[in-house]
Amino acid sequence: MTFATLKNYVTRITGPLAYEYVALLREAENDFIERTFCIWKHDLVNTSSLNGGTLSDTYALPTGFVQFLKFEWEGTPIPPANILHNVWIYNSDGSLRTGTPEAYQIEPDNFRLIPKPSSHGYMGRWYVYYQTSTADSPIIPTIEHKKIPNYVIWQILEMESEKKPELLQKAIYYKEAYLDECSSTYQKYKNMIRKQLRIYDYRSSGLTLQQRCPTVTES
């Protein structure tokens, strides 16, 4: 379904007002992604191909990054660092710790490996990402497309209610409908994510990846 088609769902309720409907639908899609984690990528990146091949403690976040679902260093899952983890960036003398990464930390424009890798290795990254292109259609699963117009209807009616207060209750109705859909969709993908296994687990199970997940092609 294209953004132009989804615009028709919006204008049936709001009428053809002077709004950038497609821009609002793009905003709606990314809001929906952030609330539901309905789209993700897996990649495997060798640190030797990043930062000009120089070992570093920080690396750029993937394009459109929202959140890591799982992060591995050389096939071993490592957790996000937080105040409950006894993982330190610096030694007691103030020097940067080096070794095998035990955790990662999200920073404003990059992510940090803790400690800094003492040698190059492979990062396995599973992450949620925003729509960053100007494609004609959403990137979220097709089954979810019809859920994003409610966001736009809510936003437009709320803005129009400044001139027509009677529209506020209608805006609230579409806001609640959208948030309810986000909540149920999040639970669906949360359960789906929980059931995912690493490629290593597929291989060691005695079944091929194609047998375990017929929609995926094993390379």
C-alpha atoms as a PDB file:
ATOM      1  CA  MET A   1       0.000   0.000   0.000  1.00  0.00           C
ATOM      2  CA  THR A   2       1.387   3.418  -0.922  1.00  0.00           C
ATOM      3  CA  PHE A   3       1.393   6.609   1.121  1.00  0.00           C
ATOM      4  CA  ALA A   4      -0.923   8.082  -1.529  1.00  0.00           C
ATOM      5  CA  THR A   5      -3.446   5.309  -0.874  1.00  0.00           C
ATOM      6  CA  LEU A   6      -3.177   5.779   2.877  1.00  0.00           C
ATOM      7  CA  LYS A   7      -3.790   9.499   2.393  1.00  0.00           C
ATOM      8  CA  ASN A   8      -7.257   8.587   1.084  1.00  0.00           C
ATOM      9  CA  TYR A   9      -8.055   6.854   4.382  1.00  0.00           C
ATOM     10  CA  VAL A  10      -7.129  10.049   6.218  1.00  0.00           C
ATOM     11  CA  THR A  11      -9.042  12.477   4.020  1.00  0.00           C
ATOM     12  CA  ARG A  12     -12.227  10.429   4.332  1.00  0.00           C
ATOM     13  CA  ILE A  13     -12.286  11.628   7.955  1.00  0.00           C
ATOM     14  CA  THR A  14     -10.511  14.983   7.856  1.00  0.00           C
ATOM     15  CA  GLY A  15     -11.493  16.162   4.393  1.00  0.00           C
ATOM     16  CA  PRO A  16      -8.935  17.600   1.905  1.00  0.00           C
ATOM     17  CA  LEU A  17      -7.362  20.192   4.173  1.00  0.00           C
ATOM     18  CA  ALA A  18      -4.126  22.117   3.598  1.00  0.00           C
ATOM     19  CA  TYR A  19      -1.755  19.609   5.218  1.00  0.00           C
ATOM     20  CA  GLU A  20       1.268  17.714   3.943  1.00  0.00           C
ATOM     21  CA  TYR A  21      -0.461  14.363   4.298  1.00  0.00           C
ATOM     22  CA  VAL A  22       2.374  12.196   2.995  1.00  0.00           C
ATOM     23  CA  ALA A  23       4.881  13.912   5.300  1.00  0.00           C
ATOM     24  CA  LEU A  24       2.548  13.271   8.238  1.00  0.00           C
ATOM     25  CA  LEU A  25       2.140   9.635   7.188  1.00  0.00           C
ATOM     26  CA  ARG A  26       5.924   9.242   7.103  1.00  0.00           C
ATOM     27  CA  GLU A  27       6.057  10.726  10.604  1.00  0.00           C
ATOM     28  CA  ALA A  28       3.281   8.337  11.631  1.00  0.00           C
ATOM     29  CA  GLU A  29       5.179   5.326  10.317  1.00  0.00           C
ATOM     30  CA  ASN A  30       8.272   6.166  12.337  1.00  0.00           C
ATOM     31  CA  ASP A  31       6.215   6.824  15.450  1.00  0.00           C
ATOM     32  CA  PHE A  32       4.561   3.430  14.906  1.00  0.00           C
ATOM     33  CA  ILE A  33       7.960   1.739  14.512  1.00  0.00           C
ATOM     34  CA  GLU A  34       9.241   3.328  17.705  1.00  0.00           C
ATOM     35  CA  ARG A  35       6.194   2.173  19.662  1.00  0.00           C
ATOM     36  CA  THR A  36       5.905  -1.352  18.219  1.00  0.00           C
ATOM     37  CA  PHE A  37       9.371  -2.580  17.071  1.00  0.00           C
ATOM     38  CA  CYS A  38       7.645  -4.012  13.997  1.00  0.00           C
ATOM     39  CA  ILE A  39      10.621  -3.793  11.620  1.00  0.00           C
ATOM     40  CA  TRP A  40      14.217  -4.860  12.188  1.00  0.00           C
ATOM     41  CA  LYS A  41      17.482  -5.833  10.535  1.00  0.00           C
ATOM     42  CA  HIS A  42      20.261  -8.299  11.250  1.00  0.00           C
ATOM     43  CA  ASP A  43      23.811  -7.641  10.134  1.00  0.00           C
ATOM     44  CA  LEU A  44      27.293  -8.973  10.806  1.00  0.00           C
ATOM     45  CA  VAL A  45      30.036  -6.340  10.697  1.00  0.00           C
ATOM     46  CA  ASN A  46      33.792  -6.774  11.070  1.00  0.00           C
ATOM     47  CA  THR A  47      35.297  -3.847  12.994  1.00  0.00           C
ATOM     48  CA  SER A  48      38.260  -3.926  10.585  1.00  0.00           C
ATOM     49  CA  SER A  49      35.923  -2.470   7.934  1.00  0.00           C
ATOM     50  CA  LEU A  50      34.980   0.515  10.117  1.00  0.00           C
ATOM     51  CA  ASN A  51      36.763   3.691  11.236  1.00  0.00           C
ATOM     52  CA  GLY A  52      39.379   3.255   8.527  1.00  0.00           C
ATOM     53  CA  GLY A  53      40.408  -0.084  10.003  1.00  0.00           C
ATOM     54  CA  THR A  54      41.523   1.527  13.270  1.00  0.00           C
ATOM     55  CA  LEU A  55      40.485  -0.168  16.506  1.00  0.00           C
ATOM     56  CA  SER A  56      38.126   2.086  18.420  1.00  0.00           C
ATOM     57  CA  ASP A  57      35.944   2.081  21.490  1.00  0.00           C
ATOM     58  CA  THR A  58      33.091   3.855  19.644  1.00  0.00           C
ATOM     59  CA  TYR A  59      31.340   3.157  16.326  1.00  0.00           C
ATOM     60  CA  ALA A  60      28.608   4.952  14.361  1.00  0.00           C
ATOM     61  CA  LEU A  61      25.063   3.800  14.959  1.00  0.00           C
ATOM     62  CA  PRO A  62      23.350   2.085  12.005  1.00  0.00           C
ATOM     63  CA  THR A  63      21.311   4.301   9.681  1.00  0.00           C
ATOM     64  CA  GLY A  64      17.859   5.007  11.113  1.00  0.00           C
ATOM     65  CA  PHE A  65      18.782   3.308  14.393  1.00  0.00           C
ATOM     66  CA  VAL A  66      16.017   2.998  17.005  1.00  0.00           C
ATOM     67  CA  GLN A  67      17.181   0.264  19.374  1.00  0.00           C
ATOM     68  CA  PHE A  68      19.330  -2.845  19.512  1.00  0.00           C
ATOM     69  CA  LEU A  69      17.308  -5.981  20.186  1.00  0.00           C
ATOM     70  CA  LYS A  70      20.392  -8.137  20.496  1.00  0.00           C
ATOM     71  CA  PHE A  71      24.108  -7.505  20.168  1.00  0.00           C
ATOM     72  CA  GLU A  72      26.853 -10.126  19.840  1.00  0.00           C
ATOM     73  CA  TRP A  73      30.613  -9.938  19.889  1.00  0.00           C
ATOM     74  CA  GLU A  74      32.205 -12.870  18.060  1.00  0.00           C
ATOM     75  CA  GLY A  75      28.958 -14.824  18.467  1.00  0.00           C
ATOM     76  CA  THR A  76      28.571 -14.174  22.210  1.00  0.00           C
ATOM     77  CA  PRO A  77      25.625 -11.975  23.275  1.00  0.00           C
ATOM     78  CA  ILE A  78      26.648  -8.897  25.266  1.00  0.00           C
ATOM     79  CA  PRO A  79      24.183  -6.680  27.188  1.00  0.00           C
ATOM     80  CA  PRO A  80      23.618  -2.925  27.207  1.00  0.00           C
ATOM     81  CA  ALA A  81      25.631  -1.285  29.965  1.00  0.00           C
ATOM     82  CA  ASN A  82      23.727   0.366  32.792  1.00  0.00           C
ATOM     83  CA  ILE A  83      24.316   1.375  36.385  1.00  0.00           C
ATOM     84  CA  LEU A  84      23.505  -2.164  37.559  1.00  0.00           C
ATOM     85  CA  HIS A  85      26.285  -3.728  35.493  1.00  0.00           C
ATOM     86  CA  ASN A  86      29.755  -3.896  36.980  1.00  0.00           C
ATOM     87  CA  VAL A  87      31.315  -2.899  33.647  1.00  0.00           C
ATOM     88  CA  TRP A  88      33.796  -0.037  33.661  1.00  0.00           C
ATOM     89  CA  ILE A  89      35.064   2.061  30.754  1.00  0.00           C
ATOM     90  CA  TYR A  90      38.295   3.174  32.488  1.00  0.00           C
ATOM     91  CA  ASN A  91      40.938   1.547  34.633  1.00  0.00           C
ATOM     92  CA  SER A  92      41.651   2.930  38.109  1.00  0.00           C
ATOM     93  CA  ASP A  93      44.522   4.992  36.651  1.00  0.00           C
ATOM     94  CA  GLY A  94      42.155   6.679  34.176  1.00  0.00           C
ATOM     95  CA  SER A  95      43.346   4.759  31.118  1.00  0.00           C
ATOM     96  CA  LEU A  96      40.814   3.202  28.755  1.00  0.00           C
ATOM     97  CA  ARG A  97      40.145  -0.461  29.459  1.00  0.00           C
ATOM     98  CA  THR A  98      40.888  -2.841  26.591  1.00  0.00           C
ATOM     99  CA  GLY A  99      40.035  -6.476  26.100  1.00  0.00           C
ATOM    100  CA  THR A 100      37.078  -8.529  24.919  1.00  0.00           C
ATOM    101  CA  PRO A 101      33.879  -6.409  24.897  1.00  0.00           C
ATOM    102  CA  GLU A 102      31.495  -7.319  27.713  1.00  0.00           C
ATOM    103  CA  ALA A 103      28.813  -4.682  27.080  1.00  0.00           C
ATOM    104  CA  TYR A 104      27.794  -1.848  24.775  1.00  0.00           C
ATOM    105  CA  GLN A 105      26.598   1.647  25.609  1.00  0.00           C
ATOM    106  CA  ILE A 106      24.400   3.859  23.402  1.00  0.00           C
ATOM    107  CA  GLU A 107      25.645   7.450  23.138  1.00  0.00           C
ATOM    108  CA  PRO A 108      24.100  10.397  21.233  1.00  0.00           C
ATOM    109  CA  ASP A 109      25.722   9.694  17.855  1.00  0.00           C
ATOM    110  CA  ASN A 110      27.400   6.321  18.315  1.00  0.00           C
ATOM    111  CA  PHE A 111      27.698   3.246  20.489  1.00  0.00           C
ATOM    112  CA  ARG A 112      30.600   2.291  22.722  1.00  0.00           C
ATOM    113  CA  LEU A 113      32.078  -1.170  23.231  1.00  0.00           C
ATOM    114  CA  ILE A 114      33.166  -1.795  26.826  1.00  0.00           C
ATOM    115  CA  PRO A 115      35.994  -2.516  27.159  1.00  0.00           C
ATOM    116  CA  LYS A 116      37.547  -1.253  23.907  1.00  0.00           C
ATOM    117  CA  PRO A 117      38.331  -4.291  21.720  1.00  0.00           C
ATOM    118  CA  SER A 118      41.977  -5.338  21.918  1.00  0.00           C
ATOM    119  CA  SER A 119      41.667  -6.903  18.451  1.00  0.00           C
ATOM    120  CA  HIS A 120      39.247  -6.725  15.557  1.00  0.00           C
ATOM    121  CA  GLY A 121      36.162  -8.924  15.618  1.00  0.00           C
ATOM    122  CA  TYR A 122      32.666  -9.440  14.279  1.00  0.00           C
ATOM    123  CA  MET A 123      29.676  -7.590  15.711  1.00  0.00           C
ATOM    124  CA  GLY A 124      26.329  -9.315  15.243  1.00  0.00           C
ATOM    125  CA  ARG A 125      23.657  -6.623  15.411  1.00  0.00           C
ATOM    126  CA  TRP A 126      19.894  -7.084  15.511  1.00  0.00           C
ATOM    127  CA  TYR A 127      18.173  -3.712  15.607  1.00  0.00           C
ATOM    128  CA  VAL A 128      14.965  -1.777  14.980  1.00  0.00           C
ATOM    129  CA  TYR A 129      15.268   1.022  12.433  1.00  0.00           C
ATOM    130  CA  TYR A 130      13.276   3.997  11.137  1.00  0.00           C
ATOM    131  CA  GLN A 131      12.129   4.692   7.595  1.00  0.00           C
ATOM    132  CA  THR A 132      14.778   7.104   6.289  1.00  0.00           C
ATOM    133  CA  SER A 133      14.104   6.920   2.546  1.00  0.00           C
ATOM    134  CA  THR A 134      11.591   8.820   0.407  1.00  0.00           C
ATOM    135  CA  ALA A 135      10.038   5.632  -0.946  1.00  0.00           C
ATOM    136  CA  ASP A 136       6.402   5.709  -2.068  1.00  0.00           C
ATOM    137  CA  SER A 137       5.343   3.044   0.436  1.00  0.00           C
ATOM    138  CA  PRO A 138       5.913   2.302   4.128  1.00  0.00           C
ATOM    139  CA  ILE A 139       8.595  -0.206   5.087  1.00  0.00           C
ATOM    140  CA  ILE A 140       6.555  -1.703   7.931  1.00  0.00           C
ATOM    141  CA  PRO A 141       4.755  -5.013   7.297  1.00  0.00           C
ATOM    142  CA  THR A 142       1.821  -4.566   4.903  1.00  0.00           C
ATOM    143  CA  ILE A 143      -0.613  -5.900   7.492  1.00  0.00           C
ATOM    144  CA  GLU A 144       0.182  -2.846   9.661  1.00  0.00           C
ATOM    145  CA  HIS A 145      -0.236  -0.151   6.981  1.00  0.00           C
ATOM    146  CA  LYS A 146      -3.852   0.712   7.778  1.00  0.00           C
ATOM    147  CA  LYS A 147      -2.962   1.429  11.408  1.00  0.00           C
ATOM    148  CA  ILE A 148      -0.900   4.545  10.727  1.00  0.00           C
ATOM    149  CA  PRO A 149      -3.648   6.819   9.284  1.00  0.00           C
ATOM    150  CA  ASN A 150      -5.209   7.087  12.763  1.00  0.00           C
ATOM    151  CA  TYR A 151      -2.066   8.911  13.922  1.00  0.00           C
ATOM    152  CA  VAL A 152      -2.455  11.498  11.162  1.00  0.00           C
ATOM    153  CA  ILE A 153      -6.200  11.884  11.751  1.00  0.00           C
ATOM    154  CA  TRP A 154      -5.521  12.419  15.463  1.00  0.00           C
ATOM    155  CA  GLN A 155      -2.850  15.061  14.776  1.00  0.00           C
ATOM    156  CA  ILE A 156      -4.916  16.955  12.196  1.00  0.00           C
ATOM    157  CA  LEU A 157      -8.132  16.957  14.223  1.00  0.00           C
ATOM    158  CA  GLU A 158      -6.219  18.112  17.299  1.00  0.00           C
ATOM    159  CA  MET A 159      -4.762  21.040  15.338  1.00  0.00           C
ATOM    160  CA  GLU A 160      -8.137  21.844  13.767  1.00  0.00           C
ATOM    161  CA  SER A 161      -9.784  21.794  17.207  1.00  0.00           C
ATOM    162  CA  GLU A 162      -8.022  25.065  17.971  1.00  0.00           C
ATOM    163  CA  LYS A 163     -10.467  26.636  15.511  1.00  0.00           C
ATOM    164  CA  LYS A 164     -13.300  24.150  16.018  1.00  0.00           C
ATOM    165  CA  PRO A 165     -13.319  22.947  19.659  1.00  0.00           C
ATOM    166  CA  GLU A 166     -16.009  20.364  18.867  1.00  0.00           C
ATOM    167  CA  LEU A 167     -13.347  18.330  17.000  1.00  0.00           C
ATOM    168  CA  LEU A 168     -11.302  17.713  20.142  1.00  0.00           C
ATOM    169  CA  GLN A 169     -13.318  14.685  21.290  1.00  0.00           C
ATOM    170  CA  LYS A 170     -13.005  13.195  17.836  1.00  0.00           C
ATOM    171  CA  ALA A 171      -9.231  13.755  17.975  1.00  0.00           C
ATOM    172  CA  ILE A 172      -9.090  12.012  21.349  1.00  0.00           C
ATOM    173  CA  TYR A 173     -11.025   9.046  19.913  1.00  0.00           C
ATOM    174  CA  TYR A 174      -8.495   8.558  17.081  1.00  0.00           C
ATOM    175  CA  LYS A 175      -5.568   9.107  19.436  1.00  0.00           C
ATOM    176  CA  GLU A 176      -6.819   6.357  21.742  1.00  0.00           C
ATOM    177  CA  ALA A 177      -7.546   4.060  18.787  1.00  0.00           C
ATOM    178  CA  TYR A 178      -4.012   4.560  17.484  1.00  0.00           C
ATOM    179  CA  LEU A 179      -2.350   4.017  20.865  1.00  0.00           C
ATOM    180  CA  ASP A 180      -4.448   0.889  21.495  1.00  0.00           C
ATOM    181  CA  GLU A 181      -3.347  -0.505  18.132  1.00  0.00           C
ATOM    182  CA  CYS A 182       0.274   0.309  18.951  1.00  0.00           C
ATOM    183  CA  SER A 183      -0.005  -1.486  22.281  1.00  0.00           C
ATOM    184  CA  SER A 184      -1.462  -4.676  20.810  1.00  0.00           C
ATOM    185  CA  THR A 185       0.979  -4.588  17.879  1.00  0.00           C
ATOM    186  CA  TYR A 186       3.921  -4.183  20.261  1.00  0.00           C
ATOM    187  CA  GLN A 187       2.818  -7.285  22.171  1.00  0.00           C
ATOM    188  CA  LYS A 188       2.592  -9.235  18.914  1.00  0.00           C
ATOM    189  CA  TYR A 189       6.121  -8.341  17.824  1.00  0.00           C
ATOM    190  CA  LYS A 190       7.504  -8.666  21.336  1.00  0.00           C
ATOM    191  CA  ASN A 191       6.313 -12.281  21.353  1.00  0.00           C
ATOM    192  CA  MET A 192       7.687 -12.825  17.843  1.00  0.00           C
ATOM    193  CA  ILE A 193      11.093 -11.400  18.798  1.00  0.00           C
ATOM    194  CA  ARG A 194      11.227 -13.545  21.928  1.00  0.00           C
ATOM    195  CA  LYS A 195      10.927 -16.684  19.807  1.00  0.00           C
ATOM    196  CA  GLN A 196      13.747 -15.784  17.414  1.00  0.00           C
ATOM    197  CA  LEU A 197      16.928 -17.850  17.489  1.00  0.00           C
ATOM    198  CA  ARG A 198      20.426 -17.074  16.303  1.00  0.00           C
ATOM    199  CA  ILE A 199      21.658 -18.638  13.043  1.00  0.00           C
ATOM    200  CA  TYR A 200      24.053 -20.652  15.238  1.00  0.00           C
ATOM    201  CA  ASP A 201      21.072 -22.170  17.042  1.00  0.00           C
ATOM    202  CA  TYR A 202      19.400 -23.053  13.756  1.00  0.00           C
ATOM    203  CA  ARG A 203      22.529 -24.812  12.544  1.00  0.00           C
ATOM    204  CA  SER A 204      23.099 -26.711  15.802  1.00  0.00           C
ATOM    205  CA  SER A 205      19.482 -27.841  16.035  1.00  0.00           C
ATOM    206  CA  GLY A 206      19.921 -30.458  13.325  1.00  0.00           C
ATOM    207  CA  LEU A 207      17.466 -28.635  11.036  1.00  0.00           C
ATOM    208  CA  THR A 208      18.346 -26.319   8.189  1.00  0.00           C
ATOM    209  CA  LEU A 209      17.391 -22.666   8.464  1.00  0.00           C
ATOM    210  CA  GLN A 210      14.963 -23.232   5.576  1.00  0.00           C
ATOM    211  CA  GLN A 211      13.223 -26.006   7.549  1.00  0.00           C
ATOM    212  CA  ARG A 212      13.004 -23.882  10.715  1.00  0.00           C
ATOM    213  CA  CYS A 213      12.026 -20.666   8.926  1.00  0.00           C
ATOM    214  CA  PRO A 214      10.766 -21.313   5.361  1.00  0.00           C
ATOM    215  CA  THR A 215      10.557 -17.581   4.543  1.00  0.00           C
ATOM    216  CA  VAL A 216      14.323 -17.100   4.988  1.00  0.00           C
ATOM    217  CA  THR A 217      16.924 -18.106   2.398  1.00  0.00           C
ATOM    218  CA  GLU A 218      20.166 -19.457   3.875  1.00  0.00           C
ATOM    219  CA  SER A 219      23.305 -18.088   2.219  1.00  0.00           C
END
